[in-house]
N, C-alpha and C. Protein backbone atom coordinates (compact mmCIF):
# COMPACT_ATOMS: atom_id res chain seq x y z
N MET A 1 -6.81 -5.96 20.58
CA MET A 1 -6.40 -5.67 19.25
C MET A 1 -5.86 -4.26 19.02
N SER A 2 -4.71 -4.33 18.28
CA SER A 2 -4.26 -2.99 18.09
C SER A 2 -4.85 -2.15 17.25
N VAL A 3 -4.76 -0.77 17.23
CA VAL A 3 -5.48 0.18 16.35
C VAL A 3 -4.79 -0.04 14.94
N LEU A 4 -5.34 -0.07 13.97
CA LEU A 4 -5.05 -0.02 12.26
C LEU A 4 -4.39 1.39 12.16
N ARG A 5 -3.26 1.42 11.29
CA ARG A 5 -2.96 2.39 10.49
C ARG A 5 -3.93 2.87 9.84
N PRO A 6 -4.36 4.35 9.73
CA PRO A 6 -5.49 5.11 8.99
C PRO A 6 -5.74 4.33 7.30
N ASP A 7 -4.60 4.13 6.62
CA ASP A 7 -4.51 3.50 5.60
C ASP A 7 -5.41 2.22 5.40
N LEU A 8 -4.84 1.31 6.46
CA LEU A 8 -5.17 0.03 6.43
C LEU A 8 -6.69 -0.02 7.08
N GLU A 9 -7.17 0.93 7.92
CA GLU A 9 -8.44 1.21 8.39
C GLU A 9 -9.49 1.10 7.23
N VAL A 10 -9.10 2.11 6.43
CA VAL A 10 -9.78 2.27 5.16
C VAL A 10 -10.11 1.09 4.44
N ILE A 11 -8.87 0.40 4.03
CA ILE A 11 -8.90 -0.61 3.23
C ILE A 11 -9.88 -1.97 4.21
N ALA A 12 -9.57 -1.90 5.28
CA ALA A 12 -10.46 -2.88 5.99
C ALA A 12 -11.91 -2.77 6.04
N ARG A 13 -12.32 -1.46 6.18
CA ARG A 13 -13.64 -1.09 6.02
C ARG A 13 -14.25 -1.18 4.76
N HIS A 14 -13.62 -1.32 3.50
CA HIS A 14 -13.94 -1.37 2.25
C HIS A 14 -14.04 -2.71 1.67
N VAL A 15 -13.34 -3.72 2.19
CA VAL A 15 -13.30 -5.12 1.70
C VAL A 15 -14.75 -5.59 2.31
N PRO A 16 -15.16 -6.21 1.31
CA PRO A 16 -16.55 -6.91 1.59
C PRO A 16 -16.44 -8.27 2.37
N ALA A 17 -17.12 -8.68 2.93
CA ALA A 17 -17.09 -9.86 3.78
C ALA A 17 -16.88 -10.92 2.96
N GLY A 18 -16.17 -11.81 3.15
CA GLY A 18 -16.22 -13.15 2.38
C GLY A 18 -15.31 -13.30 1.20
N SER A 19 -14.71 -11.93 1.16
CA SER A 19 -13.80 -11.79 -0.17
C SER A 19 -12.73 -12.58 -0.18
N ARG A 20 -12.13 -12.72 -1.14
CA ARG A 20 -10.69 -13.44 -1.30
C ARG A 20 -9.50 -12.13 -1.55
N VAL A 21 -8.66 -11.92 -0.64
CA VAL A 21 -7.85 -11.08 -0.64
C VAL A 21 -6.31 -11.56 -0.49
N LEU A 22 -5.39 -11.00 -1.21
CA LEU A 22 -4.10 -11.19 -1.44
C LEU A 22 -3.34 -9.90 -0.87
N ASP A 23 -2.64 -9.90 0.32
CA ASP A 23 -1.90 -8.78 0.93
C ASP A 23 -0.77 -8.91 0.39
N VAL A 24 -0.01 -7.92 -0.42
CA VAL A 24 1.02 -8.06 -1.05
C VAL A 24 2.31 -6.99 -0.02
N GLY A 25 3.22 -7.71 0.70
CA GLY A 25 4.09 -7.02 1.66
C GLY A 25 3.21 -6.86 2.80
N CYS A 26 2.69 -8.03 3.31
CA CYS A 26 1.68 -8.05 4.34
C CYS A 26 2.17 -7.58 5.77
N GLY A 27 3.65 -7.61 6.01
CA GLY A 27 4.03 -7.46 7.10
C GLY A 27 3.95 -8.57 7.94
N ASP A 28 3.58 -8.26 9.35
CA ASP A 28 3.05 -9.31 10.34
C ASP A 28 1.60 -9.79 10.33
N GLY A 29 0.86 -9.22 9.12
CA GLY A 29 -0.44 -9.78 8.92
C GLY A 29 -1.42 -8.95 9.70
N GLU A 30 -1.18 -7.82 10.18
CA GLU A 30 -2.21 -6.85 10.78
C GLU A 30 -3.39 -6.75 10.01
N LEU A 31 -3.45 -6.36 9.05
CA LEU A 31 -4.87 -6.22 8.20
C LEU A 31 -5.36 -7.55 7.79
N MET A 32 -4.43 -8.52 7.64
CA MET A 32 -5.01 -9.99 7.34
C MET A 32 -5.90 -10.30 8.43
N HIS A 33 -5.20 -10.31 9.70
CA HIS A 33 -5.89 -10.85 10.94
C HIS A 33 -7.36 -10.20 10.98
N VAL A 34 -7.49 -8.63 10.68
CA VAL A 34 -8.50 -7.72 11.01
C VAL A 34 -9.55 -8.51 9.97
N LEU A 35 -9.29 -8.73 8.95
CA LEU A 35 -10.24 -9.12 7.64
C LEU A 35 -10.70 -10.60 8.00
N ALA A 36 -9.54 -11.55 8.17
CA ALA A 36 -10.17 -13.00 8.56
C ALA A 36 -11.02 -13.06 9.71
N HIS A 37 -10.73 -12.32 10.74
CA HIS A 37 -11.39 -12.37 12.04
C HIS A 37 -12.77 -11.58 12.25
N GLY A 38 -12.66 -10.57 11.27
CA GLY A 38 -13.67 -9.75 11.69
C GLY A 38 -14.71 -9.91 10.37
N LYS A 39 -14.39 -10.26 9.17
CA LYS A 39 -15.13 -10.27 7.97
C LYS A 39 -15.11 -11.80 7.37
N HIS A 40 -14.58 -12.69 7.70
CA HIS A 40 -14.45 -14.06 7.37
C HIS A 40 -13.84 -14.13 5.99
N VAL A 41 -12.82 -12.96 5.64
CA VAL A 41 -12.31 -12.86 4.28
C VAL A 41 -11.15 -13.95 4.36
N ASP A 42 -11.27 -14.60 3.08
CA ASP A 42 -10.11 -15.67 2.73
C ASP A 42 -8.68 -14.67 2.50
N ALA A 43 -8.21 -14.41 3.64
CA ALA A 43 -6.88 -13.50 3.34
C ALA A 43 -5.54 -14.20 3.22
N ARG A 44 -4.83 -13.86 2.22
CA ARG A 44 -3.35 -14.64 2.06
C ARG A 44 -2.60 -13.70 1.89
N GLY A 45 -0.98 -13.95 2.30
CA GLY A 45 -0.12 -12.71 2.09
C GLY A 45 1.04 -13.30 1.66
N ILE A 46 1.97 -12.42 0.94
CA ILE A 46 3.26 -12.64 0.77
C ILE A 46 4.11 -11.48 1.56
N GLU A 47 5.20 -11.82 2.09
CA GLU A 47 6.01 -10.97 2.69
C GLU A 47 7.51 -11.13 2.42
N ILE A 48 8.42 -10.45 2.30
CA ILE A 48 9.86 -10.75 2.13
C ILE A 48 10.57 -11.04 3.29
N ASP A 49 10.25 -10.23 4.38
CA ASP A 49 11.06 -10.46 5.69
C ASP A 49 10.47 -11.48 6.36
N PRO A 50 11.78 -12.33 6.75
CA PRO A 50 11.51 -13.62 7.53
C PRO A 50 10.67 -13.71 8.80
N GLU A 51 11.38 -12.49 9.45
CA GLU A 51 10.78 -12.28 10.93
C GLU A 51 9.20 -11.79 10.88
N GLU A 52 8.90 -11.33 9.86
CA GLU A 52 7.62 -10.81 9.73
C GLU A 52 6.58 -11.82 9.42
N VAL A 53 7.07 -12.62 8.39
CA VAL A 53 6.19 -13.81 8.16
C VAL A 53 6.15 -14.72 9.31
N GLU A 54 7.20 -14.82 10.32
CA GLU A 54 6.96 -15.87 11.43
C GLU A 54 5.93 -15.31 12.09
N ARG A 55 5.88 -13.98 12.48
CA ARG A 55 4.93 -13.33 13.15
C ARG A 55 3.70 -13.68 12.76
N ALA A 56 3.27 -13.39 11.49
CA ALA A 56 2.04 -13.71 10.99
C ALA A 56 1.66 -15.12 10.73
N VAL A 57 2.63 -16.03 10.60
CA VAL A 57 2.08 -17.32 10.78
C VAL A 57 1.87 -17.92 11.99
N ALA A 58 2.44 -17.10 13.17
CA ALA A 58 1.96 -17.48 14.60
C ALA A 58 0.64 -17.09 14.84
N ARG A 59 0.19 -16.32 13.98
CA ARG A 59 -0.95 -15.63 14.55
C ARG A 59 -2.28 -16.54 13.66
N GLY A 60 -1.83 -17.63 12.94
CA GLY A 60 -2.65 -18.40 12.45
C GLY A 60 -2.96 -18.07 10.94
N LEU A 61 -1.96 -17.03 10.15
CA LEU A 61 -2.59 -16.47 9.11
C LEU A 61 -1.71 -17.25 7.86
N SER A 62 -2.14 -17.29 6.83
CA SER A 62 -1.52 -17.83 5.55
C SER A 62 -0.79 -16.91 4.67
N VAL A 63 0.48 -16.84 5.05
CA VAL A 63 1.58 -16.11 4.61
C VAL A 63 2.84 -16.87 4.02
N MET A 64 3.29 -16.51 3.07
CA MET A 64 4.37 -17.17 2.33
C MET A 64 5.45 -16.08 2.51
N GLN A 65 6.74 -16.72 2.52
CA GLN A 65 8.15 -15.78 2.10
C GLN A 65 8.23 -15.57 0.96
N GLY A 66 8.57 -14.47 0.31
CA GLY A 66 8.65 -14.16 -1.03
C GLY A 66 8.68 -12.84 -1.37
N ASP A 67 9.32 -12.60 -2.66
CA ASP A 67 9.65 -11.39 -2.81
C ASP A 67 8.61 -11.03 -4.12
N ALA A 68 7.85 -10.05 -3.91
CA ALA A 68 6.71 -9.60 -4.99
C ALA A 68 7.20 -9.14 -6.28
N ASN A 69 8.32 -8.59 -6.18
CA ASN A 69 8.92 -8.15 -7.33
C ASN A 69 9.13 -9.36 -8.45
N ARG A 70 9.10 -10.49 -7.81
CA ARG A 70 9.47 -11.64 -8.70
C ARG A 70 8.25 -12.86 -8.94
N GLU A 71 7.76 -12.74 -7.57
CA GLU A 71 6.85 -14.12 -7.62
C GLU A 71 5.36 -13.73 -7.79
N LEU A 72 4.99 -12.57 -8.02
CA LEU A 72 3.55 -12.27 -8.31
C LEU A 72 3.02 -12.92 -9.53
N THR A 73 4.21 -13.14 -10.50
CA THR A 73 3.85 -13.40 -11.82
C THR A 73 3.21 -15.10 -11.57
N ALA A 74 3.66 -15.80 -10.53
CA ALA A 74 3.14 -17.11 -10.27
C ALA A 74 1.73 -17.33 -10.27
N TYR A 75 1.01 -16.23 -9.71
CA TYR A 75 -0.53 -16.38 -9.52
C TYR A 75 -1.42 -16.26 -10.96
N PRO A 76 -2.50 -16.95 -10.74
CA PRO A 76 -3.16 -16.95 -12.14
C PRO A 76 -3.93 -15.61 -12.00
N ASP A 77 -4.60 -15.40 -13.21
CA ASP A 77 -5.40 -14.28 -13.48
C ASP A 77 -6.68 -14.54 -12.53
N ASP A 78 -6.83 -13.19 -12.09
CA ASP A 78 -8.45 -13.21 -11.18
C ASP A 78 -8.16 -13.97 -10.07
N ALA A 79 -7.34 -14.46 -9.46
CA ALA A 79 -7.17 -15.40 -8.32
C ALA A 79 -7.95 -14.72 -7.03
N PHE A 80 -7.94 -13.51 -6.81
CA PHE A 80 -8.45 -12.76 -5.74
C PHE A 80 -9.54 -11.81 -6.11
N ASP A 81 -10.34 -11.47 -5.46
CA ASP A 81 -11.15 -10.13 -5.45
C ASP A 81 -10.62 -9.01 -5.36
N TYR A 82 -9.61 -9.02 -4.28
CA TYR A 82 -9.05 -7.60 -3.89
C TYR A 82 -7.43 -8.15 -3.86
N THR A 83 -6.61 -7.19 -4.47
CA THR A 83 -5.22 -7.44 -3.78
C THR A 83 -4.80 -6.03 -3.06
N VAL A 84 -3.92 -6.34 -2.27
CA VAL A 84 -3.87 -4.83 -1.37
C VAL A 84 -2.16 -4.72 -1.25
N LEU A 85 -1.62 -3.43 -1.68
CA LEU A 85 -0.28 -3.00 -1.55
C LEU A 85 -0.18 -1.59 -0.70
N SER A 86 0.02 -2.01 0.58
CA SER A 86 0.08 -0.84 1.37
C SER A 86 1.40 -0.44 1.90
N GLN A 87 1.74 0.89 1.50
CA GLN A 87 3.12 1.59 1.92
C GLN A 87 4.31 0.80 1.42
N THR A 88 3.85 0.10 0.14
CA THR A 88 5.08 -0.97 -0.47
C THR A 88 5.30 -0.36 -1.78
N LEU A 89 4.40 0.62 -2.42
CA LEU A 89 4.77 0.82 -3.89
C LEU A 89 6.26 1.49 -4.06
N GLN A 90 6.39 2.31 -3.10
CA GLN A 90 7.53 3.07 -3.19
C GLN A 90 8.92 2.31 -2.98
N THR A 91 8.86 0.88 -2.64
CA THR A 91 9.57 0.18 -2.54
C THR A 91 9.87 -1.02 -3.78
N ALA A 92 9.07 -0.88 -4.46
CA ALA A 92 8.99 -1.86 -5.54
C ALA A 92 10.08 -1.60 -6.63
N GLU A 93 10.58 -2.51 -7.25
CA GLU A 93 11.96 -2.28 -8.38
C GLU A 93 11.12 -1.46 -9.49
N ARG A 94 9.82 -2.03 -9.98
CA ARG A 94 9.27 -1.45 -10.96
C ARG A 94 7.62 -1.16 -10.51
N PRO A 95 7.44 -0.20 -9.93
CA PRO A 95 5.87 -0.06 -9.43
C PRO A 95 5.00 -0.26 -10.53
N ASP A 96 5.35 0.50 -11.78
CA ASP A 96 4.39 0.17 -13.14
C ASP A 96 4.20 -1.16 -13.27
N LEU A 97 5.24 -2.04 -13.23
CA LEU A 97 4.97 -3.38 -13.39
C LEU A 97 4.22 -4.11 -12.24
N MET A 98 4.55 -3.83 -11.03
CA MET A 98 3.74 -4.19 -9.79
C MET A 98 2.27 -4.02 -9.95
N LEU A 99 2.12 -2.69 -10.18
CA LEU A 99 0.56 -2.39 -10.53
C LEU A 99 -0.20 -3.02 -11.39
N ASP A 100 0.38 -3.51 -12.73
CA ASP A 100 -0.01 -4.41 -13.50
C ASP A 100 -0.29 -5.89 -13.21
N GLU A 101 0.48 -6.25 -12.32
CA GLU A 101 0.30 -7.49 -11.64
C GLU A 101 -0.92 -7.71 -10.43
N LEU A 102 -0.95 -6.62 -9.83
CA LEU A 102 -2.01 -6.53 -8.85
C LEU A 102 -3.39 -6.73 -9.54
N LEU A 103 -3.54 -5.80 -10.60
CA LEU A 103 -4.67 -5.91 -11.31
C LEU A 103 -4.73 -7.06 -12.23
N ARG A 104 -4.00 -7.66 -12.50
CA ARG A 104 -4.01 -8.97 -13.20
C ARG A 104 -4.60 -10.07 -12.15
N ILE A 105 -4.04 -10.19 -10.97
CA ILE A 105 -4.35 -11.17 -10.05
C ILE A 105 -5.50 -11.02 -9.27
N GLY A 106 -6.01 -9.63 -9.01
CA GLY A 106 -7.14 -9.24 -8.36
C GLY A 106 -7.98 -8.45 -9.35
N ARG A 107 -9.18 -8.73 -9.10
CA ARG A 107 -10.30 -7.91 -9.78
C ARG A 107 -10.24 -6.37 -9.62
N LYS A 108 -9.89 -6.19 -8.42
CA LYS A 108 -9.62 -4.85 -7.86
C LYS A 108 -8.35 -4.44 -6.80
N ALA A 109 -7.88 -3.40 -6.58
CA ALA A 109 -6.55 -3.32 -5.93
C ALA A 109 -6.50 -2.15 -5.02
N PHE A 110 -6.22 -2.44 -3.83
CA PHE A 110 -5.91 -1.23 -2.98
C PHE A 110 -4.67 -0.89 -2.90
N VAL A 111 -4.12 0.35 -3.07
CA VAL A 111 -2.60 0.76 -3.20
C VAL A 111 -2.69 2.13 -2.14
N SER A 112 -1.68 1.85 -1.35
CA SER A 112 -1.42 3.07 -0.51
C SER A 112 0.05 3.39 -0.63
N PHE A 113 0.33 4.54 -0.36
CA PHE A 113 1.67 5.02 -0.37
C PHE A 113 2.11 6.50 0.11
N PRO A 114 3.24 6.69 0.66
CA PRO A 114 3.54 8.01 1.37
C PRO A 114 3.86 8.89 -0.01
N ASN A 115 3.32 10.27 0.08
CA ASN A 115 3.31 11.18 -0.99
C ASN A 115 4.53 12.13 -0.75
N PHE A 116 5.48 12.02 -1.39
CA PHE A 116 6.44 12.72 -1.49
C PHE A 116 6.55 14.10 -1.71
N ALA A 117 5.59 14.53 -2.11
CA ALA A 117 5.30 16.07 -2.56
C ALA A 117 4.70 16.92 -1.44
N HIS A 118 4.22 16.08 -0.27
CA HIS A 118 3.68 16.70 0.97
C HIS A 118 4.60 18.08 1.38
N TRP A 119 3.65 19.12 1.66
CA TRP A 119 4.32 20.37 1.92
C TRP A 119 5.61 20.28 2.92
N ARG A 120 5.35 19.56 3.87
CA ARG A 120 6.62 19.39 5.16
C ARG A 120 8.18 18.83 4.13
N MET A 121 7.77 17.85 3.06
CA MET A 121 8.78 17.28 2.77
C MET A 121 9.51 18.39 1.77
N ARG A 122 8.68 19.20 1.10
CA ARG A 122 9.07 20.26 0.24
C ARG A 122 9.75 21.37 1.06
N LEU A 123 9.19 21.73 2.03
CA LEU A 123 9.73 22.83 2.92
C LEU A 123 11.18 22.28 3.63
N ALA A 124 11.46 21.01 3.99
CA ALA A 124 12.60 20.60 4.69
C ALA A 124 13.61 20.67 3.29
N LEU A 125 13.24 20.30 2.15
CA LEU A 125 14.31 20.41 1.01
C LEU A 125 14.60 21.78 0.84
N LEU A 126 13.77 22.71 0.67
CA LEU A 126 13.73 24.03 0.52
C LEU A 126 14.74 24.81 1.57
N TRP A 127 14.33 24.52 2.60
CA TRP A 127 15.15 25.13 3.96
C TRP A 127 16.37 24.58 4.28
N HIS A 128 16.27 23.17 4.25
CA HIS A 128 17.66 22.59 4.60
C HIS A 128 18.40 22.05 3.59
N GLY A 129 17.84 21.67 2.46
CA GLY A 129 18.67 21.27 1.43
C GLY A 129 18.73 19.66 1.30
N ARG A 130 18.00 18.92 2.45
CA ARG A 130 18.41 17.64 2.75
C ARG A 130 17.22 16.90 2.87
N MET A 131 17.23 15.56 2.38
CA MET A 131 15.98 14.74 2.50
C MET A 131 15.38 14.62 3.78
N PRO A 132 14.10 15.02 4.17
CA PRO A 132 13.69 15.03 5.32
C PRO A 132 13.43 13.71 6.16
N VAL A 133 13.13 13.87 7.36
CA VAL A 133 12.85 12.82 8.15
C VAL A 133 11.63 13.26 8.96
N THR A 134 10.45 12.60 8.49
CA THR A 134 9.19 13.12 9.26
C THR A 134 8.50 11.84 10.14
N SER A 135 7.37 12.14 10.72
CA SER A 135 6.74 10.97 11.44
C SER A 135 6.27 10.08 10.58
N HIS A 136 5.99 10.20 9.41
CA HIS A 136 5.61 9.13 8.63
C HIS A 136 6.51 8.42 7.61
N LEU A 137 7.85 9.16 7.54
CA LEU A 137 8.92 8.62 7.04
C LEU A 137 10.22 9.07 7.92
N PRO A 138 10.22 8.06 8.92
CA PRO A 138 11.02 8.27 10.09
C PRO A 138 12.51 7.88 10.09
N VAL A 139 12.95 7.42 8.97
CA VAL A 139 14.35 7.31 8.77
C VAL A 139 15.14 8.02 7.77
N THR A 140 16.42 8.07 7.95
CA THR A 140 17.20 8.99 7.05
C THR A 140 17.25 8.29 5.67
N TRP A 141 17.67 8.95 4.58
CA TRP A 141 17.70 8.83 3.25
C TRP A 141 18.60 7.34 2.91
N TYR A 142 19.53 7.17 3.86
CA TYR A 142 20.44 6.08 3.54
C TYR A 142 19.86 4.89 4.24
N GLU A 143 18.92 4.87 5.06
CA GLU A 143 18.34 3.73 5.96
C GLU A 143 16.92 3.57 5.27
N THR A 144 16.34 4.14 4.45
CA THR A 144 15.22 3.91 3.72
C THR A 144 15.20 2.79 2.89
N GLN A 145 13.99 1.95 2.63
CA GLN A 145 13.92 1.13 1.80
C GLN A 145 13.05 1.79 0.43
N ASN A 146 12.86 2.90 0.47
CA ASN A 146 11.90 3.79 -0.48
C ASN A 146 12.99 3.91 -1.66
N ILE A 147 12.65 3.42 -2.77
CA ILE A 147 13.58 3.61 -4.04
C ILE A 147 13.16 4.54 -4.98
N HIS A 148 11.52 4.54 -4.80
CA HIS A 148 11.07 5.46 -5.51
C HIS A 148 9.95 6.54 -4.96
N HIS A 149 10.47 7.92 -5.32
CA HIS A 149 9.83 8.72 -4.51
C HIS A 149 8.51 9.23 -5.20
N VAL A 150 7.31 8.61 -5.18
CA VAL A 150 6.11 8.92 -5.74
C VAL A 150 5.40 9.96 -5.19
N THR A 151 4.65 10.76 -6.01
CA THR A 151 3.85 11.88 -5.43
C THR A 151 2.37 11.30 -5.95
N VAL A 152 1.27 12.04 -5.44
CA VAL A 152 0.14 11.97 -5.75
C VAL A 152 -0.35 12.16 -7.27
N SER A 153 0.54 13.22 -7.68
CA SER A 153 0.45 13.54 -9.11
C SER A 153 1.12 12.60 -9.93
N ASP A 154 2.01 11.97 -9.51
CA ASP A 154 2.89 11.07 -10.29
C ASP A 154 2.05 9.80 -10.39
N PHE A 155 1.42 9.36 -9.36
CA PHE A 155 0.46 8.09 -9.44
C PHE A 155 -0.57 8.42 -10.16
N ARG A 156 -1.19 9.73 -10.10
CA ARG A 156 -2.46 9.77 -11.05
C ARG A 156 -2.02 9.53 -12.72
N GLU A 157 -0.83 10.16 -12.78
CA GLU A 157 -0.15 10.07 -14.29
C GLU A 157 -0.14 8.66 -14.84
N LEU A 158 0.46 7.76 -13.58
CA LEU A 158 0.82 6.53 -13.98
C LEU A 158 -0.44 5.85 -14.28
N LEU A 159 -1.74 5.99 -13.65
CA LEU A 159 -3.05 5.41 -13.79
C LEU A 159 -3.63 5.95 -15.04
N ARG A 160 -3.39 6.95 -15.30
CA ARG A 160 -3.95 7.66 -16.76
C ARG A 160 -3.20 6.87 -17.79
N GLN A 161 -1.89 7.03 -17.72
CA GLN A 161 -1.28 5.99 -18.88
C GLN A 161 -1.58 4.69 -19.12
N LYS A 162 -1.84 4.01 -17.83
CA LYS A 162 -2.35 2.67 -18.03
C LYS A 162 -3.72 2.33 -17.98
N GLY A 163 -4.36 3.35 -18.12
CA GLY A 163 -5.64 3.08 -18.30
C GLY A 163 -6.75 2.58 -17.09
N VAL A 164 -6.20 2.60 -16.18
CA VAL A 164 -6.67 2.08 -14.90
C VAL A 164 -7.69 3.15 -14.21
N SER A 165 -8.99 2.45 -13.66
CA SER A 165 -9.77 3.09 -13.01
C SER A 165 -9.53 3.29 -11.70
N VAL A 166 -9.82 4.82 -11.26
CA VAL A 166 -10.13 5.01 -9.69
C VAL A 166 -11.34 4.79 -9.51
N GLU A 167 -11.63 4.01 -8.56
CA GLU A 167 -13.08 3.57 -7.72
C GLU A 167 -13.39 4.39 -6.81
N ARG A 168 -12.28 4.71 -5.92
CA ARG A 168 -12.29 5.55 -4.62
C ARG A 168 -10.94 6.08 -4.47
N SER A 169 -10.82 7.11 -3.75
CA SER A 169 -9.44 7.40 -3.07
C SER A 169 -9.68 8.11 -1.91
N TRP A 170 -8.58 8.37 -1.06
CA TRP A 170 -8.51 8.92 0.44
C TRP A 170 -7.20 9.54 0.58
N PHE A 171 -6.98 10.59 1.35
CA PHE A 171 -5.78 11.26 1.59
C PHE A 171 -5.79 11.68 2.79
N PHE A 172 -4.81 11.46 3.49
CA PHE A 172 -4.48 11.65 5.03
C PHE A 172 -3.36 12.63 5.04
N SER A 173 -3.56 13.63 5.99
CA SER A 173 -2.38 14.10 6.62
C SER A 173 -2.55 13.96 8.31
N SER A 174 -1.18 13.28 8.43
CA SER A 174 -1.03 12.60 9.73
C SER A 174 -2.19 11.36 9.90
N SER A 175 -3.00 11.49 10.81
CA SER A 175 -3.92 10.39 10.66
C SER A 175 -5.34 10.73 10.28
N ARG A 176 -5.48 12.13 10.00
CA ARG A 176 -6.87 12.84 9.57
C ARG A 176 -7.11 12.55 8.15
N GLU A 177 -8.16 12.46 7.78
CA GLU A 177 -8.67 12.28 6.20
C GLU A 177 -8.82 13.91 5.72
N ILE A 178 -8.31 14.12 4.72
CA ILE A 178 -8.47 15.26 4.03
C ILE A 178 -9.22 15.08 2.67
N GLY A 179 -9.69 16.27 2.15
CA GLY A 179 -10.18 16.01 0.84
C GLY A 179 -9.11 16.07 -0.08
N ALA A 180 -9.75 15.75 -1.53
CA ALA A 180 -8.85 15.62 -2.69
C ALA A 180 -8.11 16.65 -3.17
N MET A 181 -8.71 17.94 -2.91
CA MET A 181 -8.39 19.23 -3.27
C MET A 181 -7.05 19.50 -2.70
N GLY A 182 -6.01 19.68 -3.79
CA GLY A 182 -4.57 20.07 -3.37
C GLY A 182 -4.00 18.76 -2.71
N ALA A 183 -4.58 17.74 -2.74
CA ALA A 183 -3.97 16.52 -2.04
C ALA A 183 -2.35 16.35 -2.39
N ASN A 184 -1.88 16.71 -3.76
CA ASN A 184 -0.39 16.54 -4.04
C ASN A 184 0.47 17.38 -3.06
N TRP A 185 -0.01 18.47 -2.48
CA TRP A 185 0.77 19.10 -1.51
C TRP A 185 0.46 18.93 -0.25
N ARG A 186 -0.97 18.45 -0.03
CA ARG A 186 -1.41 18.42 1.54
C ARG A 186 -1.49 17.06 2.25
N ALA A 187 -1.50 16.23 1.34
CA ALA A 187 -1.47 14.87 1.70
C ALA A 187 -0.19 14.41 1.95
N GLU A 188 -0.09 13.56 3.46
CA GLU A 188 1.21 12.79 3.69
C GLU A 188 1.07 11.42 3.16
N TYR A 189 -0.08 10.75 2.84
CA TYR A 189 -0.28 9.68 2.12
C TYR A 189 -1.58 9.48 1.54
N ALA A 190 -1.65 8.66 0.70
CA ALA A 190 -2.66 8.41 -0.09
C ALA A 190 -3.15 7.05 -0.32
N VAL A 191 -4.61 6.64 -0.27
CA VAL A 191 -5.14 5.29 -0.46
C VAL A 191 -5.73 5.18 -1.93
N TYR A 192 -5.77 4.59 -2.69
CA TYR A 192 -6.46 4.22 -3.84
C TYR A 192 -7.36 3.08 -3.78
N LEU A 193 -8.37 2.82 -4.52
CA LEU A 193 -9.08 1.59 -4.69
C LEU A 193 -9.22 1.53 -6.33
N LEU A 194 -8.66 0.45 -6.99
CA LEU A 194 -8.20 0.57 -8.42
C LEU A 194 -9.01 -0.56 -9.15
N SER A 195 -9.46 -0.52 -10.47
CA SER A 195 -9.89 -1.54 -11.07
C SER A 195 -9.55 -1.43 -12.63
N ARG A 196 -9.63 -2.44 -13.59
CA ARG A 196 -9.47 -2.17 -14.81
C ARG A 196 -10.48 -1.61 -15.56
C-alpha cells in the first residue's frame, strides 16, 4: 500500500471505524481504500476526472463521475457522518457554497487546502514578481486548476462568517506537522475538521 499524503493520513486517523463517508474530489480513491479496508468505513466518492474514476472503480470502490460544483445538491441532508474535501477547495467555483453543501450532507467535514500565504509563496512574489512553483504547488499559474488562492486567515474568516465550528485543525510544512501559532505564514497546507 502506498503512503498517504499527510493531510489524508490525518483524516484517515480521525474517521471512526464504521462511519459513512463521502470523499468529494476523491481522485483514484486512495483515502477511500484505506478507510474501507482498514476501518470498515462505508466510503463513497465523487470525482470529475473519468480516468481517476476508472482507477477508483478498478480498486472496487464506489465512485461516481460528477462535478461537485453542481451535483452535491442531489444528496439528502445528513446522508453521511463525514464529508471530505482534500486539496480541492481552491478549485471549487464557489468555495463558500461548497462548504455549505459539505456540512449539509455530512454531520462533520474534513477540509484540507494549500495555504497561498506560506512564506515561500510570499518570498517568490516579492523577489521574482511571479506566481511561485513549489513542491506542494508544482505547476505554473496557467496550468493550475486552482482558481481561488485561499490562505489560512481567509479560511478562518469564512468559517467565522458562516458560524462553522472548528473541532480540530492541523498544519503542515512539507510533510511535518507544525503548531497553529503563525500558521498563516508558516503552513504550506492546512486540514480542518468542521461541524455546524
